[in-house]
């Protein structure tokens, strides 16, 4: 948290699929995500995420043209409501 209601998170992952068992392609896959969150109420949070994926193989379908690419970017805007009884 960098203010009372604001939070910044960074996450990274590395995945190796040596035999293509999970992804159907033998590849090394890296991922990084940055999340900016604002907590409006005690039980409600709004999040904006930016994620980048990178593979050593062309594994991602292109959204703007035919073909495949070694990288992929995605964006998300999320609302999270915590309705726990406790």
Protein backbone atom coordinates (compact mmCIF):
# COMPACT_ATOMS: atom_id res chain seq x y z
CA UNK A 1 0.00 0.00 0.00
CA UNK A 2 1.30 3.45 -0.79
CA UNK A 3 -1.75 5.38 0.47
CA UNK A 4 -4.60 4.26 2.72
CA UNK A 5 -6.79 3.11 -0.19
CA UNK A 6 -4.20 2.52 -2.96
CA UNK A 7 -2.11 -0.61 -3.58
CA UNK A 8 0.42 -1.62 -6.23
CA UNK A 9 1.33 -5.28 -6.89
CA UNK A 10 3.93 -6.83 -9.19
CA UNK A 11 4.03 -10.53 -10.00
CA UNK A 12 6.25 -12.65 -12.24
CA UNK A 13 6.20 -16.32 -13.22
CA UNK A 14 8.37 -18.74 -15.16
CA UNK A 15 6.92 -21.94 -16.59
CA UNK A 16 8.79 -24.69 -18.43
CA UNK A 17 6.75 -27.21 -20.41
CA UNK A 18 9.59 -29.54 -21.51
CA UNK A 19 7.39 -32.11 -23.21
CA UNK A 20 4.46 -29.90 -24.26
CA UNK A 21 2.18 -31.74 -21.84
CA UNK A 22 0.27 -28.66 -20.61
CA UNK A 23 0.50 -26.21 -23.53
CA UNK A 24 0.86 -28.77 -26.38
CA UNK A 25 4.11 -26.99 -27.40
CA UNK A 26 7.57 -27.52 -25.87
CA UNK A 27 8.33 -24.04 -24.53
CA UNK A 28 9.59 -21.79 -21.76
CA UNK A 29 7.01 -19.22 -20.79
CA UNK A 30 7.53 -16.04 -18.76
CA UNK A 31 4.83 -13.74 -17.41
CA UNK A 32 4.77 -10.40 -15.61
CA UNK A 33 1.72 -8.62 -14.18
CA UNK A 34 1.35 -5.16 -12.65
CA UNK A 35 -1.84 -4.39 -10.68
CA UNK A 36 -3.01 -1.02 -9.43
CA UNK A 37 -5.90 -1.26 -6.94
CA UNK A 38 -8.11 1.29 -5.22
CA UNK A 39 -10.31 0.27 -2.28
CA UNK A 40 -13.51 2.35 -2.46
CA UNK A 41 -15.25 0.77 0.49
CA UNK A 42 -14.26 -1.71 3.17
CA UNK A 43 -15.63 -4.56 1.01
CA UNK A 44 -15.11 -3.24 -2.56
CA UNK A 45 -11.91 -2.82 -4.56
CA UNK A 46 -11.36 -1.71 -8.17
CA UNK A 47 -8.28 -3.07 -9.98
CA UNK A 48 -6.51 -2.29 -13.26
CA UNK A 49 -4.06 -4.91 -14.53
CA UNK A 50 -1.44 -5.03 -17.26
CA UNK A 51 0.02 -8.44 -18.13
CA UNK A 52 2.73 -9.50 -20.55
CA UNK A 53 3.50 -13.07 -21.62
CA UNK A 54 6.63 -14.16 -23.51
CA UNK A 55 7.54 -17.58 -24.91
CA UNK A 56 10.65 -18.88 -26.62
CA UNK A 57 8.27 -20.30 -29.28
CA UNK A 58 5.50 -18.69 -31.32
CA UNK A 59 2.62 -19.78 -29.11
CA UNK A 60 0.13 -16.86 -29.02
CA UNK A 61 -2.49 -16.13 -31.67
CA UNK A 62 -2.36 -12.55 -32.96
CA UNK A 63 -5.57 -10.59 -32.44
CA UNK A 64 -4.98 -7.96 -35.15
CA UNK A 65 -3.71 -10.19 -37.99
CA UNK A 66 -3.39 -13.85 -38.94
CA UNK A 67 -0.53 -15.78 -37.45
CA UNK A 68 1.19 -16.40 -34.15
CA UNK A 69 3.61 -14.45 -31.99
CA UNK A 70 6.15 -15.01 -29.20
CA UNK A 71 4.48 -12.45 -26.94
CA UNK A 72 1.05 -11.35 -25.80
CA UNK A 73 -0.22 -8.34 -23.83
CA UNK A 74 -3.52 -8.22 -21.98
CA UNK A 75 -5.36 -5.61 -19.93
CA UNK A 76 -8.11 -5.98 -17.35
CA UNK A 77 -10.36 -3.78 -15.25
CA UNK A 78 -11.81 -5.69 -12.31
CA UNK A 79 -14.21 -5.07 -9.46
CA UNK A 80 -13.78 -7.21 -6.35
CA UNK A 81 -16.44 -7.42 -3.68
CA UNK A 82 -15.66 -9.22 -0.42
CA UNK A 83 -18.89 -10.57 1.03
CA UNK A 84 -17.45 -12.68 3.83
CA UNK A 85 -19.69 -13.13 6.84
CA UNK A 86 -16.88 -12.89 9.40
